[in-house]
Every structure is written in C-alpha cells, then in structure tokens.
Amino acid sequence: MGYPPQPPYGQQPGYPPPGGHPQQGGYPPQPGYPQQGGYPPQQPGYPPQGGYPPPPPPGAPGGYGAPPAPTPVATFSAATLPDDDNVNPYAFSVNLNGQWFIQKGKMIAYYGQIQFEALSAGPLDSLVAGHFHSPLYAHDWVVAQGQGKLLLGDRGFDLNSFDLEDGNLTIRANNLLAFDPRLTLKQSIIPGFLTLLGTGKFIASSNGPVHFVEPPLRVDPQSLLGWADLPSPCHHYDHSYMRGVLGMARGMFGIGGTSGEEHQFEFTGQGTVLMQSSEQVRDNPAMLRELEAQVGMLGVGGLQRLNQVISQRLSGEQGGGRSSGRSGLMDLLD
C-alpha cells in the first residue's frame, strides 16, 4: 500500500499554484534597485561602504573628536573701543573730552591727546577747590585732561561704572579709580572711605561682582565696598567676642576680631549697601594713611599703647614670630 503523490510544498491539494508569484529560489530585480548580491563582500574589519569617504582620524581638524576652533582675539583701536563702557570685566574705556579725576596707577593706556596734571598745578586750583575736598588723599590723584580714549584697570579686579543722580555714595578709597568732575569728593568719617556727592559718573573696582542689598543688615568689613544714601554704619561685635578675660584682652590689645563672624558693620535706615563677592581685600594704603594722620594727635601714653597693639597684632599675623622690619610708629618711639 502506498501514499498518493503529494502536491509541491506550499500548494494545497485542489488549488492551482498561485499565479503572478515567482518561483522559490530568487526574485527578479526590481527596477531602480540593485540586484541581490550586488554588494562587494565585506572584509574583516568592516571597511567603509562604497560611496562614503572614510572618517577622519581622531584629532584631525574639523573631524569627530577634534578640539574646538580657538576664539578669535579681538583687536581694538581708538575707533572700535567702547565709549564710557567696559572693554571686558577688567578694563574700562573712558571717552575723555575734558577733565576727569584719576587715581594714580590706574591708567593702563590711552589714545589721543591727554595730559595728566597734579592736583597742585596752578591752572587746576579752581577745579580742585570746587570738587576735591580730601587733603589726606590729594597726592594719590591726578587730573586727566584732553581728548581721547583712556583705558583704566586695577590689577585684574572687576571694574564697574556707576551713575549718581543727586546722590550721596561712600566707597573704599582704594577702590575708587576715577570720577567725573561734576561730582564732589569728600573724606568720610569712616577711615579708609571717601564720599561722592552730586550727579555724575564714577568707576570703581571690586573683588568679584558687586551685589546691592537693602538694610537693615550687618556686613563683614572686608566684603563691604560702600553704601549709598545711608547714614554711616556702626560697629557691631558678637557677645562672645566681648565677654570674659579674653574679650578684655582683645579690647585692650586688638587680638582677634578680624573675621566677619566676630565684627561687622551694622546698617539701618533706607538706602543701598554695596558688597563685594569675596571677603579678601588687598592691602589698603588708604586706611593706613588715615591711621597715620591720627598718630600726631596722640600723646606719649597713647603712642605706647598703640605700640603694644601693633606688636600683638604682628605676633599674631606671623604665628608668634618676630617681625623682620620696623614700623613707622616704632621709629617714632625710639
């Protein structure tokens, strides 16, 4: 007994083979498409397919993984420098057409016809008498006069310009770079600070960006840049700083109390306080000059006590070591 013959695989009994379909074993090429098997065999390592350029090696210019193109360096001239604006965060361009008060050492370059005159120069007597009322700082300033572009800088510190409108602003003397002669400068009762009055522009430096805050608040003395339209601040000391025998020693000899956590400036009232972004400030010759000016008002007892304070402070700053130099006050006491 045998089995009847079976129809071809894929065809049901009683049905004709499907029409219009090619036989198994290959399809005819479709128009517009390459035939199956028309690609070259792939070699080990997978070379690039035909028609595609090989990728550039890593680090090649413009290729994948290449370093970014360097930023073009700006080159300025007298015509392209900004007018009364920042060249960058660390340099300021003054479009000078007349006179400005400039602190010595803050001019870094200029274009045009500009002269620098000491405040004691005869032709400037009326200008100085009307707008500069700080004899203690007079030898730190000059008058820049003429026409041109004046570039100012302050050892890499941030520079900002401020416009006063019938204002009253007090700022660290060493941070004031220049000001418009329409403003009047006076000496603040707070050592190391100057006050600007009136309407005009001034340029100041800061250790980092400047922040404007409203009182009432207490500020670390080192981070304080200035204040506007406010009464002068008061000194505030933490209770732990003042109490006990150690607090008495600090009060007598000036030991400690140099951080903002122990000693602050306290502001009250309506106005604006200007703060630097960092507590660190450079050595301030302006404050030293203020202190030197007061030495002549002390008697022998006061000088001796001040000498003790200076000696104690030097020992603390130098880790208990002896000073290699002598202060001007010590020379006075010899």
C-alpha atoms as a PDB file:
ATOM      1  CA  MET A   1       0.000   0.000   0.000  1.00  0.00           C
ATOM      2  CA  GLY A   2       1.400   3.373  -0.911  1.00  0.00           C
ATOM      3  CA  TYR A   3       0.618   7.034  -0.428  1.00  0.00           C
ATOM      4  CA  PRO A   4      -0.769   9.153  -3.249  1.00  0.00           C
ATOM      5  CA  PRO A   5       1.654  11.658  -4.647  1.00  0.00           C
ATOM      6  CA  GLN A   6       1.737  14.888  -2.646  1.00  0.00           C
ATOM      7  CA  PRO A   7       1.434  18.313  -4.267  1.00  0.00           C
ATOM      8  CA  PRO A   8       4.510  20.526  -4.263  1.00  0.00           C
ATOM      9  CA  TYR A   9       5.391  22.084  -0.951  1.00  0.00           C
ATOM     10  CA  GLY A  10       3.372  25.198  -0.299  1.00  0.00           C
ATOM     11  CA  GLN A  11       0.452  24.200  -2.530  1.00  0.00           C
ATOM     12  CA  GLN A  12      -2.747  22.862  -1.052  1.00  0.00           C
ATOM     13  CA  PRO A  13      -4.451  19.904  -2.739  1.00  0.00           C
ATOM     14  CA  GLY A  14      -7.045  21.020  -5.244  1.00  0.00           C
ATOM     15  CA  TYR A  15      -5.703  24.553  -5.614  1.00  0.00           C
ATOM     16  CA  PRO A  16      -3.713  25.698  -8.555  1.00  0.00           C
ATOM     17  CA  PRO A  17      -0.357  27.202  -7.887  1.00  0.00           C
ATOM     18  CA  PRO A  18      -0.621  30.909  -7.046  1.00  0.00           C
ATOM     19  CA  GLY A  19      -0.246  32.958 -10.154  1.00  0.00           C
ATOM     20  CA  GLY A  20       1.881  36.053 -10.503  1.00  0.00           C
ATOM     21  CA  HIS A  21       4.403  34.972  -7.911  1.00  0.00           C
ATOM     22  CA  PRO A  22       7.885  33.932  -8.873  1.00  0.00           C
ATOM     23  CA  GLN A  23       9.136  30.517  -8.021  1.00  0.00           C
ATOM     24  CA  GLN A  24      11.108  29.962  -4.851  1.00  0.00           C
ATOM     25  CA  GLY A  25      14.801  30.440  -5.263  1.00  0.00           C
ATOM     26  CA  GLY A  26      15.072  34.109  -6.206  1.00  0.00           C
ATOM     27  CA  TYR A  27      13.177  37.267  -7.098  1.00  0.00           C
ATOM     28  CA  PRO A  28      13.635  39.172 -10.314  1.00  0.00           C
ATOM     29  CA  PRO A  29      15.423  42.507  -9.896  1.00  0.00           C
ATOM     30  CA  GLN A  30      13.162  45.422  -9.105  1.00  0.00           C
ATOM     31  CA  PRO A  31      13.517  48.490 -11.318  1.00  0.00           C
ATOM     32  CA  GLY A  32      15.759  51.114  -9.752  1.00  0.00           C
ATOM     33  CA  TYR A  33      17.221  48.797  -7.145  1.00  0.00           C
ATOM     34  CA  PRO A  34      20.489  46.878  -7.388  1.00  0.00           C
ATOM     35  CA  GLN A  35      20.284  43.143  -7.724  1.00  0.00           C
ATOM     36  CA  GLN A  36      20.617  40.972  -4.675  1.00  0.00           C
ATOM     37  CA  GLY A  37      24.254  40.102  -4.162  1.00  0.00           C
ATOM     38  CA  GLY A  38      25.474  43.194  -5.998  1.00  0.00           C
ATOM     39  CA  TYR A  39      27.391  44.496  -2.941  1.00  0.00           C
ATOM     40  CA  PRO A  40      31.029  43.536  -2.596  1.00  0.00           C
ATOM     41  CA  PRO A  41      31.762  41.087   0.157  1.00  0.00           C
ATOM     42  CA  GLN A  42      32.673  42.622   3.488  1.00  0.00           C
ATOM     43  CA  GLN A  43      36.258  42.140   4.566  1.00  0.00           C
ATOM     44  CA  PRO A  44      37.326  41.643   8.168  1.00  0.00           C
ATOM     45  CA  GLY A  45      37.495  44.927   9.973  1.00  0.00           C
ATOM     46  CA  TYR A  46      34.451  46.376   8.161  1.00  0.00           C
ATOM     47  CA  PRO A  47      35.921  48.749   5.595  1.00  0.00           C
ATOM     48  CA  PRO A  48      33.751  51.740   4.602  1.00  0.00           C
ATOM     49  CA  GLN A  49      30.914  51.095   2.169  1.00  0.00           C
ATOM     50  CA  GLY A  50      31.387  52.287  -1.357  1.00  0.00           C
ATOM     51  CA  GLY A  51      30.392  55.906  -1.908  1.00  0.00           C
ATOM     52  CA  TYR A  52      31.182  57.081   1.652  1.00  0.00           C
ATOM     53  CA  PRO A  53      34.526  58.785   2.398  1.00  0.00           C
ATOM     54  CA  PRO A  54      36.488  57.317   5.270  1.00  0.00           C
ATOM     55  CA  PRO A  55      36.076  59.185   8.607  1.00  0.00           C
ATOM     56  CA  PRO A  56      38.989  61.484   9.506  1.00  0.00           C
ATOM     57  CA  PRO A  57      41.342  60.249  12.187  1.00  0.00           C
ATOM     58  CA  PRO A  58      40.664  61.452  15.772  1.00  0.00           C
ATOM     59  CA  GLY A  59      42.023  64.923  16.420  1.00  0.00           C
ATOM     60  CA  ALA A  60      42.109  65.904  12.735  1.00  0.00           C
ATOM     61  CA  PRO A  61      40.872  69.466  12.043  1.00  0.00           C
ATOM     62  CA  GLY A  62      37.123  69.524  11.654  1.00  0.00           C
ATOM     63  CA  GLY A  63      36.775  65.812  12.400  1.00  0.00           C
ATOM     64  CA  TYR A  64      34.947  63.969  15.112  1.00  0.00           C
ATOM     65  CA  GLY A  65      36.770  64.482  18.399  1.00  0.00           C
ATOM     66  CA  ALA A  66      38.747  67.468  17.071  1.00  0.00           C
ATOM     67  CA  PRO A  67      39.463  70.283  19.567  1.00  0.00           C
ATOM     68  CA  PRO A  68      37.204  73.354  19.204  1.00  0.00           C
ATOM     69  CA  ALA A  69      38.438  76.131  16.995  1.00  0.00           C
ATOM     70  CA  PRO A  70      40.125  78.910  19.012  1.00  0.00           C
ATOM     71  CA  THR A  71      38.081  82.032  19.691  1.00  0.00           C
ATOM     72  CA  PRO A  72      39.302  84.957  17.605  1.00  0.00           C
ATOM     73  CA  VAL A  73      41.200  87.554  19.655  1.00  0.00           C
ATOM     74  CA  ALA A  74      39.600  90.987  19.490  1.00  0.00           C
ATOM     75  CA  THR A  75      41.912  93.771  18.397  1.00  0.00           C
ATOM     76  CA  PHE A  76      40.833  97.291  19.335  1.00  0.00           C
ATOM     77  CA  SER A  77      41.666 100.722  18.003  1.00  0.00           C
ATOM     78  CA  ALA A  78      40.691 104.221  19.013  1.00  0.00           C
ATOM     79  CA  ALA A  79      37.648 103.905  16.739  1.00  0.00           C
ATOM     80  CA  THR A  80      36.473 100.491  17.979  1.00  0.00           C
ATOM     81  CA  LEU A  81      36.972 100.910  21.735  1.00  0.00           C
ATOM     82  CA  PRO A  82      33.661 101.422  23.563  1.00  0.00           C
ATOM     83  CA  ASP A  83      32.640 104.860  24.799  1.00  0.00           C
ATOM     84  CA  ASP A  84      32.409 105.058  28.604  1.00  0.00           C
ATOM     85  CA  ASP A  85      31.915 101.318  28.938  1.00  0.00           C
ATOM     86  CA  ASN A  86      33.746  98.107  29.817  1.00  0.00           C
ATOM     87  CA  VAL A  87      36.170  96.628  27.291  1.00  0.00           C
ATOM     88  CA  ASN A  88      35.928  93.432  29.369  1.00  0.00           C
ATOM     89  CA  PRO A  89      35.213  92.819  33.055  1.00  0.00           C
ATOM     90  CA  TYR A  90      38.726  94.021  33.982  1.00  0.00           C
ATOM     91  CA  ALA A  91      39.245  97.130  31.820  1.00  0.00           C
ATOM     92  CA  PHE A  92      37.176 100.270  31.267  1.00  0.00           C
ATOM     93  CA  SER A  93      37.323 102.759  28.380  1.00  0.00           C
ATOM     94  CA  VAL A  94      36.623 106.424  29.186  1.00  0.00           C
ATOM     95  CA  ASN A  95      35.762 108.642  26.235  1.00  0.00           C
ATOM     96  CA  LEU A  96      37.619 111.671  27.563  1.00  0.00           C
ATOM     97  CA  ASN A  97      36.546 115.087  26.316  1.00  0.00           C
ATOM     98  CA  GLY A  98      37.551 117.484  29.030  1.00  0.00           C
ATOM     99  CA  GLN A  99      38.704 116.538  32.533  1.00  0.00           C
ATOM    100  CA  TRP A 100      38.438 113.560  34.872  1.00  0.00           C
ATOM    101  CA  PHE A 101      39.935 112.814  38.294  1.00  0.00           C
ATOM    102  CA  ILE A 102      42.071 109.635  38.025  1.00  0.00           C
ATOM    103  CA  GLN A 103      43.735 107.744  40.874  1.00  0.00           C
ATOM    104  CA  LYS A 104      47.458 107.246  40.277  1.00  0.00           C
ATOM    105  CA  GLY A 105      48.432 103.824  38.962  1.00  0.00           C
ATOM    106  CA  LYS A 106      45.014 103.034  37.411  1.00  0.00           C
ATOM    107  CA  MET A 107      45.699 104.263  33.844  1.00  0.00           C
ATOM    108  CA  ILE A 108      46.925 101.384  31.648  1.00  0.00           C
ATOM    109  CA  ALA A 109      46.849 103.004  28.157  1.00  0.00           C
ATOM    110  CA  TYR A 110      45.305 105.831  26.166  1.00  0.00           C
ATOM    111  CA  TYR A 111      44.694 107.110  22.637  1.00  0.00           C
ATOM    112  CA  GLY A 112      44.671 110.777  21.705  1.00  0.00           C
ATOM    113  CA  GLN A 113      45.977 113.964  23.255  1.00  0.00           C
ATOM    114  CA  ILE A 114      45.731 113.512  27.035  1.00  0.00           C
ATOM    115  CA  GLN A 115      47.787 115.151  29.763  1.00  0.00           C
ATOM    116  CA  PHE A 116      47.999 114.256  33.455  1.00  0.00           C
ATOM    117  CA  GLU A 117      48.387 117.108  35.932  1.00  0.00           C
ATOM    118  CA  ALA A 118      48.935 117.006  39.682  1.00  0.00           C
ATOM    119  CA  LEU A 119      46.161 118.493  41.777  1.00  0.00           C
ATOM    120  CA  SER A 120      48.539 121.195  42.974  1.00  0.00           C
ATOM    121  CA  ALA A 121      49.031 122.569  39.459  1.00  0.00           C
ATOM    122  CA  GLY A 122      48.111 126.259  39.311  1.00  0.00           C
ATOM    123  CA  PRO A 123      45.567 126.128  36.457  1.00  0.00           C
ATOM    124  CA  LEU A 124      43.617 123.420  38.324  1.00  0.00           C
ATOM    125  CA  ASP A 125      43.175 125.342  41.563  1.00  0.00           C
ATOM    126  CA  SER A 126      39.561 126.276  40.879  1.00  0.00           C
ATOM    127  CA  LEU A 127      38.651 122.718  39.815  1.00  0.00           C
ATOM    128  CA  VAL A 128      40.258 121.164  42.891  1.00  0.00           C
ATOM    129  CA  ALA A 129      38.822 123.778  45.242  1.00  0.00           C
ATOM    130  CA  GLY A 130      35.309 123.130  43.946  1.00  0.00           C
ATOM    131  CA  HIS A 131      35.289 119.325  43.684  1.00  0.00           C
ATOM    132  CA  PHE A 132      38.100 117.692  45.681  1.00  0.00           C
ATOM    133  CA  HIS A 133      37.888 118.067  49.476  1.00  0.00           C
ATOM    134  CA  SER A 134      40.189 115.357  50.795  1.00  0.00           C
ATOM    135  CA  PRO A 135      43.677 116.680  51.515  1.00  0.00           C
ATOM    136  CA  LEU A 136      44.717 113.357  53.032  1.00  0.00           C
ATOM    137  CA  TYR A 137      44.377 111.682  49.600  1.00  0.00           C
ATOM    138  CA  ALA A 138      45.311 114.606  47.365  1.00  0.00           C
ATOM    139  CA  HIS A 139      48.715 113.202  46.392  1.00  0.00           C
ATOM    140  CA  ASP A 140      47.038 109.921  45.239  1.00  0.00           C
ATOM    141  CA  TRP A 141      45.121 111.655  42.436  1.00  0.00           C
ATOM    142  CA  VAL A 142      45.759 113.472  39.167  1.00  0.00           C
ATOM    143  CA  VAL A 143      43.569 115.249  36.637  1.00  0.00           C
ATOM    144  CA  ALA A 144      43.435 113.728  33.141  1.00  0.00           C
ATOM    145  CA  GLN A 145      42.538 116.389  30.588  1.00  0.00           C
ATOM    146  CA  GLY A 146      42.289 116.430  26.806  1.00  0.00           C
ATOM    147  CA  GLN A 147      40.559 114.289  24.201  1.00  0.00           C
ATOM    148  CA  GLY A 148      40.902 110.580  23.512  1.00  0.00           C
ATOM    149  CA  LYS A 149      40.195 107.100  24.848  1.00  0.00           C
ATOM    150  CA  LEU A 150      41.515 106.445  28.355  1.00  0.00           C
ATOM    151  CA  LEU A 151      41.855 102.804  29.484  1.00  0.00           C
ATOM    152  CA  LEU A 152      41.677 102.031  33.209  1.00  0.00           C
ATOM    153  CA  GLY A 153      42.476  98.823  35.103  1.00  0.00           C
ATOM    154  CA  ASP A 154      43.134  97.689  38.659  1.00  0.00           C
ATOM    155  CA  ARG A 155      45.321  94.545  38.833  1.00  0.00           C
ATOM    156  CA  GLY A 156      42.725  92.191  37.396  1.00  0.00           C
ATOM    157  CA  PHE A 157      39.860  93.224  39.674  1.00  0.00           C
ATOM    158  CA  ASP A 158      36.329  93.620  38.263  1.00  0.00           C
ATOM    159  CA  LEU A 159      35.533  97.172  37.107  1.00  0.00           C
ATOM    160  CA  ASN A 160      32.106  98.799  37.077  1.00  0.00           C
ATOM    161  CA  SER A 161      30.784 102.267  36.304  1.00  0.00           C
ATOM    162  CA  PHE A 162      28.028 103.856  38.355  1.00  0.00           C
ATOM    163  CA  ASP A 163      25.855 106.891  37.683  1.00  0.00           C
ATOM    164  CA  LEU A 164      24.843 109.104  40.576  1.00  0.00           C
ATOM    165  CA  GLU A 165      21.829 111.382  40.293  1.00  0.00           C
ATOM    166  CA  ASP A 166      21.898 113.911  43.091  1.00  0.00           C
ATOM    167  CA  GLY A 167      23.289 111.081  45.199  1.00  0.00           C
ATOM    168  CA  ASN A 168      25.426 110.516  48.251  1.00  0.00           C
ATOM    169  CA  LEU A 169      27.702 107.471  47.999  1.00  0.00           C
ATOM    170  CA  THR A 170      30.590 106.372  50.224  1.00  0.00           C
ATOM    171  CA  ILE A 171      33.151 103.909  48.841  1.00  0.00           C
ATOM    172  CA  ARG A 172      36.502 102.408  49.793  1.00  0.00           C
ATOM    173  CA  ALA A 173      39.194 104.940  48.906  1.00  0.00           C
ATOM    174  CA  ASN A 174      41.439 102.331  47.326  1.00  0.00           C
ATOM    175  CA  ASN A 175      38.616 101.002  45.101  1.00  0.00           C
ATOM    176  CA  LEU A 176      37.684 104.355  43.575  1.00  0.00           C
ATOM    177  CA  LEU A 177      39.524 104.587  40.222  1.00  0.00           C
ATOM    178  CA  ALA A 178      38.123 107.715  38.594  1.00  0.00           C
ATOM    179  CA  PHE A 179      35.182 110.120  38.692  1.00  0.00           C
ATOM    180  CA  ASP A 180      33.539 112.830  36.678  1.00  0.00           C
ATOM    181  CA  PRO A 181      34.472 116.350  37.926  1.00  0.00           C
ATOM    182  CA  ARG A 182      30.769 117.155  38.201  1.00  0.00           C
ATOM    183  CA  LEU A 183      30.874 115.043  41.378  1.00  0.00           C
ATOM    184  CA  THR A 184      32.297 116.403  44.605  1.00  0.00           C
ATOM    185  CA  LEU A 185      34.611 114.197  46.651  1.00  0.00           C
ATOM    186  CA  LYS A 186      34.818 114.457  50.438  1.00  0.00           C
ATOM    187  CA  GLN A 187      36.644 112.497  53.116  1.00  0.00           C
ATOM    188  CA  SER A 188      34.415 110.104  55.070  1.00  0.00           C
ATOM    189  CA  ILE A 189      34.480 109.907  58.855  1.00  0.00           C
ATOM    190  CA  ILE A 190      34.971 106.125  58.440  1.00  0.00           C
ATOM    191  CA  PRO A 191      38.729 105.511  57.990  1.00  0.00           C
ATOM    192  CA  GLY A 192      39.659 104.321  54.518  1.00  0.00           C
ATOM    193  CA  PHE A 193      36.458 105.549  52.788  1.00  0.00           C
ATOM    194  CA  LEU A 194      35.605 108.519  50.544  1.00  0.00           C
ATOM    195  CA  THR A 195      32.213 110.099  49.812  1.00  0.00           C
ATOM    196  CA  LEU A 196      30.963 111.279  46.413  1.00  0.00           C
ATOM    197  CA  LEU A 197      28.164 113.843  46.192  1.00  0.00           C
ATOM    198  CA  GLY A 198      26.119 115.166  43.280  1.00  0.00           C
ATOM    199  CA  THR A 199      25.352 113.973  39.757  1.00  0.00           C
ATOM    200  CA  GLY A 200      27.894 112.245  37.543  1.00  0.00           C
ATOM    201  CA  LYS A 201      29.733 109.006  36.727  1.00  0.00           C
ATOM    202  CA  PHE A 202      32.478 107.162  38.596  1.00  0.00           C
ATOM    203  CA  ILE A 203      34.419 103.923  38.093  1.00  0.00           C
ATOM    204  CA  ALA A 204      35.211 101.515  40.921  1.00  0.00           C
ATOM    205  CA  SER A 205      36.913  98.144  41.278  1.00  0.00           C
ATOM    206  CA  SER A 206      35.715  95.174  43.304  1.00  0.00           C
ATOM    207  CA  ASN A 207      36.925  91.713  44.257  1.00  0.00           C
ATOM    208  CA  GLY A 208      34.332  89.872  42.181  1.00  0.00           C
ATOM    209  CA  PRO A 209      30.878  91.093  41.103  1.00  0.00           C
ATOM    210  CA  VAL A 210      29.094  93.766  43.160  1.00  0.00           C
ATOM    211  CA  HIS A 211      25.848  92.969  44.968  1.00  0.00           C
ATOM    212  CA  PHE A 212      23.320  95.611  46.039  1.00  0.00           C
ATOM    213  CA  VAL A 213      21.414  94.889  49.248  1.00  0.00           C
ATOM    214  CA  GLU A 214      18.981  96.796  51.418  1.00  0.00           C
ATOM    215  CA  PRO A 215      19.335  97.416  55.154  1.00  0.00           C
ATOM    216  CA  PRO A 216      18.860  96.600  57.924  1.00  0.00           C
ATOM    217  CA  LEU A 217      21.782  94.168  57.803  1.00  0.00           C
ATOM    218  CA  ARG A 218      25.288  93.544  59.120  1.00  0.00           C
ATOM    219  CA  VAL A 219      28.210  93.174  56.722  1.00  0.00           C
ATOM    220  CA  ASP A 220      31.684  91.703  57.036  1.00  0.00           C
ATOM    221  CA  PRO A 221      34.045  94.721  56.956  1.00  0.00           C
ATOM    222  CA  GLN A 222      36.244  93.061  54.326  1.00  0.00           C
ATOM    223  CA  SER A 223      33.355  92.413  51.943  1.00  0.00           C
ATOM    224  CA  LEU A 224      31.965  95.944  52.274  1.00  0.00           C
ATOM    225  CA  LEU A 225      32.549  98.093  49.176  1.00  0.00           C
ATOM    226  CA  GLY A 226      30.382 101.085  50.069  1.00  0.00           C
ATOM    227  CA  TRP A 227      26.911 102.415  50.760  1.00  0.00           C
ATOM    228  CA  ALA A 228      24.571 104.959  49.152  1.00  0.00           C
ATOM    229  CA  ASP A 229      22.077 107.389  50.702  1.00  0.00           C
ATOM    230  CA  LEU A 230      22.586 105.872  54.149  1.00  0.00           C
ATOM    231  CA  PRO A 231      23.948 107.081  57.477  1.00  0.00           C
ATOM    232  CA  SER A 232      27.436 105.856  58.360  1.00  0.00           C
ATOM    233  CA  PRO A 233      27.423 102.312  59.782  1.00  0.00           C
ATOM    234  CA  CYS A 234      28.002 101.316  63.378  1.00  0.00           C
ATOM    235  CA  HIS A 235      30.466  98.690  64.613  1.00  0.00           C
ATOM    236  CA  HIS A 236      28.859  95.515  65.920  1.00  0.00           C
ATOM    237  CA  TYR A 237      30.714  92.849  67.945  1.00  0.00           C
ATOM    238  CA  ASP A 238      29.463  89.425  68.953  1.00  0.00           C
ATOM    239  CA  HIS A 239      28.825  88.970  72.655  1.00  0.00           C
ATOM    240  CA  SER A 240      31.329  86.094  72.821  1.00  0.00           C
ATOM    241  CA  TYR A 241      33.931  88.436  71.397  1.00  0.00           C
ATOM    242  CA  MET A 242      33.500  90.937  74.248  1.00  0.00           C
ATOM    243  CA  ARG A 243      32.870  88.817  77.332  1.00  0.00           C
ATOM    244  CA  GLY A 244      35.363  87.359  79.791  1.00  0.00           C
ATOM    245  CA  VAL A 245      39.062  87.926  80.309  1.00  0.00           C
ATOM    246  CA  LEU A 246      39.834  87.045  76.690  1.00  0.00           C
ATOM    247  CA  GLY A 247      37.383  89.669  75.494  1.00  0.00           C
ATOM    248  CA  MET A 248      39.044  92.299  77.698  1.00  0.00           C
ATOM    249  CA  ALA A 249      42.443  91.365  76.266  1.00  0.00           C
ATOM    250  CA  ARG A 250      41.084  91.647  72.766  1.00  0.00           C
ATOM    251  CA  GLY A 251      39.685  95.068  73.523  1.00  0.00           C
ATOM    252  CA  MET A 252      42.943  96.321  75.026  1.00  0.00           C
ATOM    253  CA  PHE A 253      45.446  94.854  72.586  1.00  0.00           C
ATOM    254  CA  GLY A 254      43.478  94.274  69.386  1.00  0.00           C
ATOM    255  CA  ILE A 255      43.987  90.493  69.386  1.00  0.00           C
ATOM    256  CA  GLY A 256      41.469  88.670  67.215  1.00  0.00           C
ATOM    257  CA  GLY A 257      38.198  90.087  65.970  1.00  0.00           C
ATOM    258  CA  THR A 258      39.431  90.245  62.405  1.00  0.00           C
ATOM    259  CA  SER A 259      36.759  87.946  60.912  1.00  0.00           C
ATOM    260  CA  GLY A 260      33.235  88.898  59.965  1.00  0.00           C
ATOM    261  CA  GLU A 261      31.857  86.379  62.437  1.00  0.00           C
ATOM    262  CA  GLU A 262      33.219  88.488  65.309  1.00  0.00           C
ATOM    263  CA  HIS A 263      32.995  92.030  63.978  1.00  0.00           C
ATOM    264  CA  GLN A 264      30.574  93.558  61.466  1.00  0.00           C
ATOM    265  CA  PHE A 265      29.354  96.906  60.156  1.00  0.00           C
ATOM    266  CA  GLU A 266      25.689  97.422  61.003  1.00  0.00           C
ATOM    267  CA  PHE A 267      23.454  99.416  58.608  1.00  0.00           C
ATOM    268  CA  THR A 268      19.997 100.784  59.379  1.00  0.00           C
ATOM    269  CA  GLY A 269      17.632 103.110  57.546  1.00  0.00           C
ATOM    270  CA  GLN A 270      16.722 103.492  53.884  1.00  0.00           C
ATOM    271  CA  GLY A 271      19.360 103.165  51.177  1.00  0.00           C
ATOM    272  CA  THR A 272      21.640 100.658  49.446  1.00  0.00           C
ATOM    273  CA  VAL A 273      24.724  98.726  50.581  1.00  0.00           C
ATOM    274  CA  LEU A 274      27.338  97.627  48.020  1.00  0.00           C
ATOM    275  CA  MET A 275      29.073  94.313  48.757  1.00  0.00           C
ATOM    276  CA  GLN A 276      31.965  92.536  47.071  1.00  0.00           C
ATOM    277  CA  SER A 277      31.701  88.831  46.289  1.00  0.00           C
ATOM    278  CA  SER A 278      34.774  87.980  48.363  1.00  0.00           C
ATOM    279  CA  GLU A 279      35.875  88.821  51.877  1.00  0.00           C
ATOM    280  CA  GLN A 280      39.505  89.055  50.817  1.00  0.00           C
ATOM    281  CA  VAL A 281      40.790  92.569  50.132  1.00  0.00           C
ATOM    282  CA  ARG A 282      44.264  93.651  49.179  1.00  0.00           C
ATOM    283  CA  ASP A 283      46.420  95.777  51.450  1.00  0.00           C
ATOM    284  CA  ASN A 284      44.725  99.134  51.761  1.00  0.00           C
ATOM    285  CA  PRO A 285      47.179 102.045  51.877  1.00  0.00           C
ATOM    286  CA  ALA A 286      44.243 104.435  52.158  1.00  0.00           C
ATOM    287  CA  MET A 287      43.288 103.137  55.597  1.00  0.00           C
ATOM    288  CA  LEU A 288      46.929 103.160  56.685  1.00  0.00           C
ATOM    289  CA  ARG A 289      47.152 106.804  55.687  1.00  0.00           C
ATOM    290  CA  GLU A 290      44.057 107.563  57.766  1.00  0.00           C
ATOM    291  CA  LEU A 291      45.654 105.948  60.799  1.00  0.00           C
ATOM    292  CA  GLU A 292      48.951 107.742  60.268  1.00  0.00           C
ATOM    293  CA  ALA A 293      47.100 111.042  60.184  1.00  0.00           C
ATOM    294  CA  GLN A 294      45.727 110.372  63.668  1.00  0.00           C
ATOM    295  CA  VAL A 295      49.082 109.488  65.220  1.00  0.00           C
ATOM    296  CA  GLY A 296      50.045 113.132  65.575  1.00  0.00           C
ATOM    297  CA  MET A 297      47.061 113.662  67.886  1.00  0.00           C
ATOM    298  CA  LEU A 298      48.271 111.071  70.428  1.00  0.00           C
ATOM    299  CA  GLY A 299      50.372 111.746  73.468  1.00  0.00           C
ATOM    300  CA  VAL A 300      53.168 109.535  74.792  1.00  0.00           C
ATOM    301  CA  GLY A 301      50.733 107.264  76.655  1.00  0.00           C
ATOM    302  CA  GLY A 302      48.585 106.785  73.581  1.00  0.00           C
ATOM    303  CA  LEU A 303      51.619 106.044  71.421  1.00  0.00           C
ATOM    304  CA  GLN A 304      52.870 103.444  73.881  1.00  0.00           C
ATOM    305  CA  ARG A 305      49.520 101.696  73.981  1.00  0.00           C
ATOM    306  CA  LEU A 306      49.277 101.783  70.189  1.00  0.00           C
ATOM    307  CA  ASN A 307      52.759 100.296  70.024  1.00  0.00           C
ATOM    308  CA  GLN A 308      51.553  97.383  72.195  1.00  0.00           C
ATOM    309  CA  VAL A 309      48.576  96.822  69.900  1.00  0.00           C
ATOM    310  CA  ILE A 310      50.793  96.770  66.815  1.00  0.00           C
ATOM    311  CA  SER A 311      53.270  94.376  68.432  1.00  0.00           C
ATOM    312  CA  GLN A 312      50.494  91.993  69.476  1.00  0.00           C
ATOM    313  CA  ARG A 313      48.944  92.073  66.010  1.00  0.00           C
ATOM    314  CA  LEU A 314      52.281  91.431  64.289  1.00  0.00           C
ATOM    315  CA  SER A 315      52.916  88.446  66.567  1.00  0.00           C
ATOM    316  CA  GLY A 316      49.510  87.019  65.732  1.00  0.00           C
ATOM    317  CA  GLU A 317      49.894  87.540  61.976  1.00  0.00           C
ATOM    318  CA  GLN A 318      53.359  85.974  61.931  1.00  0.00           C
ATOM    319  CA  GLY A 319      52.448  82.980  64.067  1.00  0.00           C
ATOM    320  CA  GLY A 320      54.314  84.209  67.111  1.00  0.00           C
ATOM    321  CA  GLY A 321      57.468  85.078  65.190  1.00  0.00           C
ATOM    322  CA  ARG A 322      59.303  88.352  65.468  1.00  0.00           C
ATOM    323  CA  SER A 323      58.910  91.000  62.816  1.00  0.00           C
ATOM    324  CA  SER A 324      61.829  91.358  60.441  1.00  0.00           C
ATOM    325  CA  GLY A 325      61.120  95.044  59.907  1.00  0.00           C
ATOM    326  CA  ARG A 326      60.204  98.070  61.959  1.00  0.00           C
ATOM    327  CA  SER A 327      57.038 100.066  61.670  1.00  0.00           C
ATOM    328  CA  GLY A 328      56.992 103.822  61.262  1.00  0.00           C
ATOM    329  CA  LEU A 329      55.372 104.141  64.681  1.00  0.00           C
ATOM    330  CA  MET A 330      58.175 102.165  66.336  1.00  0.00           C
ATOM    331  CA  ASP A 331      60.683 104.516  64.758  1.00  0.00           C
ATOM    332  CA  LEU A 332      58.799 107.419  66.321  1.00  0.00           C
ATOM    333  CA  LEU A 333      59.046 105.847  69.743  1.00  0.00           C
ATOM    334  CA  ASP A 334      62.846 105.434  69.607  1.00  0.00           C
END
